[in-house]
C-alpha atoms as a PDB file:
ATOM      1  CA  MET A   1      -4.927  10.265  11.816  1.00  0.00           C
ATOM      2  CA  LYS A   2      -5.417   6.578  11.158  1.00  0.00           C
ATOM      3  CA  PHE A   3      -4.040   5.182   7.957  1.00  0.00           C
ATOM      4  CA  ALA A   4      -3.669   1.920   6.111  1.00  0.00           C
ATOM      5  CA  LEU A   5      -0.351   1.344   4.387  1.00  0.00           C
ATOM      6  CA  ILE A   6      -0.162  -1.008   1.434  1.00  0.00           C
ATOM      7  CA  PRO A   7       3.431  -1.763   0.385  1.00  0.00           C
ATOM      8  CA  ALA A   8       3.642  -2.466  -3.359  1.00  0.00           C
ATOM      9  CA  ARG A   9       7.073  -2.361  -4.911  1.00  0.00           C
ATOM     10  CA  GLU A  10       7.525  -2.863  -8.620  1.00  0.00           C
ATOM     11  CA  GLY A  11      10.193  -5.577  -8.607  1.00  0.00           C
ATOM     12  CA  SER A  12       9.432  -9.208  -7.940  1.00  0.00           C
ATOM     13  CA  LYS A  13      11.735 -12.028  -8.890  1.00  0.00           C
ATOM     14  CA  ARG A  14       9.387 -15.013  -8.583  1.00  0.00           C
ATOM     15  CA  ILE A  15       6.251 -13.443 -10.083  1.00  0.00           C
ATOM     16  CA  PRO A  16       7.103 -10.339 -12.127  1.00  0.00           C
ATOM     17  CA  GLN A  17       4.645  -7.462 -11.577  1.00  0.00           C
ATOM     18  CA  LYS A  18       2.706  -9.583  -9.060  1.00  0.00           C
ATOM     19  CA  ASN A  19       1.124  -6.588  -7.330  1.00  0.00           C
ATOM     20  CA  ILE A  20      -0.760  -5.593 -10.473  1.00  0.00           C
ATOM     21  CA  LYS A  21      -1.311  -9.019 -12.056  1.00  0.00           C
ATOM     22  CA  PRO A  22      -4.948  -9.731 -12.896  1.00  0.00           C
ATOM     23  CA  PHE A  23      -6.636 -11.904 -10.273  1.00  0.00           C
ATOM     24  CA  CYS A  24     -10.281 -12.850 -10.873  1.00  0.00           C
ATOM     25  CA  GLY A  25     -10.701  -9.911 -13.212  1.00  0.00           C
ATOM     26  CA  LYS A  26      -8.993  -7.162 -11.184  1.00  0.00           C
ATOM     27  CA  PRO A  27      -5.407  -6.165 -10.436  1.00  0.00           C
ATOM     28  CA  LEU A  28      -4.273  -7.924  -7.260  1.00  0.00           C
ATOM     29  CA  ILE A  29      -3.762  -4.614  -5.444  1.00  0.00           C
ATOM     30  CA  ALA A  30      -7.434  -3.680  -5.968  1.00  0.00           C
ATOM     31  CA  TYR A  31      -8.615  -6.125  -3.290  1.00  0.00           C
ATOM     32  CA  SER A  32      -6.479  -4.702  -0.487  1.00  0.00           C
ATOM     33  CA  ILE A  33      -7.319  -1.128  -1.415  1.00  0.00           C
ATOM     34  CA  LYS A  34     -11.057  -1.843  -1.575  1.00  0.00           C
ATOM     35  CA  ALA A  35     -11.104  -3.635   1.792  1.00  0.00           C
ATOM     36  CA  ALA A  36      -9.202  -0.788   3.443  1.00  0.00           C
ATOM     37  CA  VAL A  37     -11.410   1.923   1.930  1.00  0.00           C
ATOM     38  CA  ASP A  38     -14.675   0.057   2.573  1.00  0.00           C
ATOM     39  CA  SER A  39     -13.758  -0.686   6.200  1.00  0.00           C
ATOM     40  CA  GLY A  40     -14.266   2.950   7.163  1.00  0.00           C
ATOM     41  CA  LEU A  41     -11.430   2.565   9.674  1.00  0.00           C
ATOM     42  CA  PHE A  42      -8.884   4.790   7.986  1.00  0.00           C
ATOM     43  CA  ASP A  43      -8.584   8.481   7.243  1.00  0.00           C
ATOM     44  CA  LYS A  44      -6.222   7.603   4.411  1.00  0.00           C
ATOM     45  CA  VAL A  45      -5.302   4.487   2.452  1.00  0.00           C
ATOM     46  CA  ILE A  46      -1.731   4.954   1.277  1.00  0.00           C
ATOM     47  CA  VAL A  47       0.256   2.846  -1.156  1.00  0.00           C
ATOM     48  CA  SER A  48       4.029   2.868  -0.738  1.00  0.00           C
ATOM     49  CA  THR A  49       5.567   2.150  -4.126  1.00  0.00           C
ATOM     50  CA  ASP A  50       8.563   2.884  -6.291  1.00  0.00           C
ATOM     51  CA  SER A  51       6.496   2.607  -9.483  1.00  0.00           C
ATOM     52  CA  PRO A  52       4.707   5.512 -11.165  1.00  0.00           C
ATOM     53  CA  TYR A  53       2.396   2.970 -12.836  1.00  0.00           C
ATOM     54  CA  ILE A  54       1.426   1.304  -9.523  1.00  0.00           C
ATOM     55  CA  ALA A  55       0.932   4.774  -8.023  1.00  0.00           C
ATOM     56  CA  ALA A  56      -1.426   5.848 -10.821  1.00  0.00           C
ATOM     57  CA  LEU A  57      -3.343   2.568 -10.682  1.00  0.00           C
ATOM     58  CA  SER A  58      -3.639   2.795  -6.888  1.00  0.00           C
ATOM     59  CA  ASN A  59      -4.936   6.357  -7.127  1.00  0.00           C
ATOM     60  CA  SER A  60      -7.558   5.269  -9.656  1.00  0.00           C
ATOM     61  CA  LEU A  61      -8.674   2.560  -7.213  1.00  0.00           C
ATOM     62  CA  GLY A  62      -9.174   4.982  -4.311  1.00  0.00           C
ATOM     63  CA  ALA A  63      -5.801   4.973  -2.551  1.00  0.00           C
ATOM     64  CA  GLU A  64      -3.304   7.814  -2.232  1.00  0.00           C
ATOM     65  CA  THR A  65       0.389   7.898  -3.102  1.00  0.00           C
ATOM     66  CA  PRO A  66       1.629  11.100  -1.450  1.00  0.00           C
ATOM     67  CA  PHE A  67       5.291  10.068  -1.828  1.00  0.00           C
ATOM     68  CA  MET A  68       7.398   7.596  -3.796  1.00  0.00           C
ATOM     69  CA  ARG A  69       9.446   4.916  -2.105  1.00  0.00           C
ATOM     70  CA  PRO A  70      13.213   5.347  -2.604  1.00  0.00           C
ATOM     71  CA  PRO A  71      15.196   2.623  -4.407  1.00  0.00           C
ATOM     72  CA  GLU A  72      16.998   1.547  -1.230  1.00  0.00           C
ATOM     73  CA  LEU A  73      13.607   0.519   0.231  1.00  0.00           C
ATOM     74  CA  ALA A  74      12.442  -1.279  -2.900  1.00  0.00           C
ATOM     75  CA  ASP A  75      14.828  -4.196  -3.203  1.00  0.00           C
ATOM     76  CA  ASP A  76      14.715  -7.837  -2.166  1.00  0.00           C
ATOM     77  CA  PHE A  77      16.236  -7.024   1.221  1.00  0.00           C
ATOM     78  CA  SER A  78      13.965  -4.163   2.308  1.00  0.00           C
ATOM     79  CA  SER A  79      12.030  -4.922   5.458  1.00  0.00           C
ATOM     80  CA  THR A  80       8.378  -4.124   5.990  1.00  0.00           C
ATOM     81  CA  ARG A  81       9.374  -2.301   9.162  1.00  0.00           C
ATOM     82  CA  ALA A  82      11.681   0.029   7.223  1.00  0.00           C
ATOM     83  CA  VAL A  83       8.956   0.676   4.633  1.00  0.00           C
ATOM     84  CA  ILE A  84       6.430   1.520   7.372  1.00  0.00           C
ATOM     85  CA  ALA A  85       8.934   3.798   9.131  1.00  0.00           C
ATOM     86  CA  HIS A  86       9.620   5.582   5.841  1.00  0.00           C
ATOM     87  CA  ALA A  87       5.882   6.096   5.240  1.00  0.00           C
ATOM     88  CA  ILE A  88       5.314   7.466   8.736  1.00  0.00           C
ATOM     89  CA  ASN A  89       8.281   9.834   8.374  1.00  0.00           C
ATOM     90  CA  GLU A  90       7.132  11.034   4.949  1.00  0.00           C
ATOM     91  CA  MET A  91       3.600  11.667   6.203  1.00  0.00           C
ATOM     92  CA  ALA A  92       4.963  13.511   9.254  1.00  0.00           C
ATOM     93  CA  LYS A  93       6.983  15.749   6.911  1.00  0.00           C
ATOM     94  CA  GLN A  94       3.675  16.610   5.243  1.00  0.00           C
ATOM     95  CA  GLY A  95       2.248  17.683   8.603  1.00  0.00           C
ATOM     96  CA  HIS A  96       0.285  14.579   9.557  1.00  0.00           C
ATOM     97  CA  SER A  97       0.287  13.017  13.023  1.00  0.00           C
ATOM     98  CA  PHE A  98      -0.860   9.478  13.662  1.00  0.00           C
ATOM     99  CA  GLU A  99      -2.992   7.458  15.987  1.00  0.00           C
ATOM    100  CA  TYR A 100      -2.155   4.231  14.201  1.00  0.00           C
ATOM    101  CA  CYS A 101      -0.974   2.652  10.969  1.00  0.00           C
ATOM    102  CA  CYS A 102      -2.236  -0.702   9.683  1.00  0.00           C
ATOM    103  CA  CYS A 103      -0.113  -2.558   7.145  1.00  0.00           C
ATOM    104  CA  ILE A 104      -2.137  -4.532   4.597  1.00  0.00           C
ATOM    105  CA  TYR A 105      -0.278  -6.647   2.068  1.00  0.00           C
ATOM    106  CA  VAL A 106      -1.223  -6.702  -1.609  1.00  0.00           C
ATOM    107  CA  THR A 107      -0.758 -10.461  -1.567  1.00  0.00           C
ATOM    108  CA  ALA A 108      -3.728 -10.893   0.782  1.00  0.00           C
ATOM    109  CA  PRO A 109      -6.587 -10.521  -1.722  1.00  0.00           C
ATOM    110  CA  PHE A 110      -9.013 -12.365   0.540  1.00  0.00           C
ATOM    111  CA  VAL A 111      -8.782  -9.771   3.316  1.00  0.00           C
ATOM    112  CA  GLN A 112     -12.316  -8.745   4.252  1.00  0.00           C
ATOM    113  CA  VAL A 113     -13.743  -5.581   5.756  1.00  0.00           C
ATOM    114  CA  ASP A 114     -14.915  -7.480   8.852  1.00  0.00           C
ATOM    115  CA  TYR A 115     -11.424  -8.931   9.345  1.00  0.00           C
ATOM    116  CA  LEU A 116     -10.034  -5.410   9.478  1.00  0.00           C
ATOM    117  CA  GLN A 117     -12.799  -4.152  11.747  1.00  0.00           C
END
């Protein structure tokens, strides 16, 4: 399986709720999800979050949230590497094996399908 992982924790000190803030008429996370889905590169587009609200919003935008991120991976000191490792482990527990994982940040709203391809 090939999957895109979009890390989107709830807490942000500098810009509260930045991952879901409106940006040009849509929540910021919508751009990363749409690019990943529209690229056709991934079997799944997964959002790693600690927020039920971000999970529900992500699902409504075409992503999946098959697990919630634990609090210890949702603080100011959590590394992207640890978040990716957690996602891979959680998906493996659900019986999935992987060819590759592509991390796409929410804060890259200008990511384009052709950039991913």
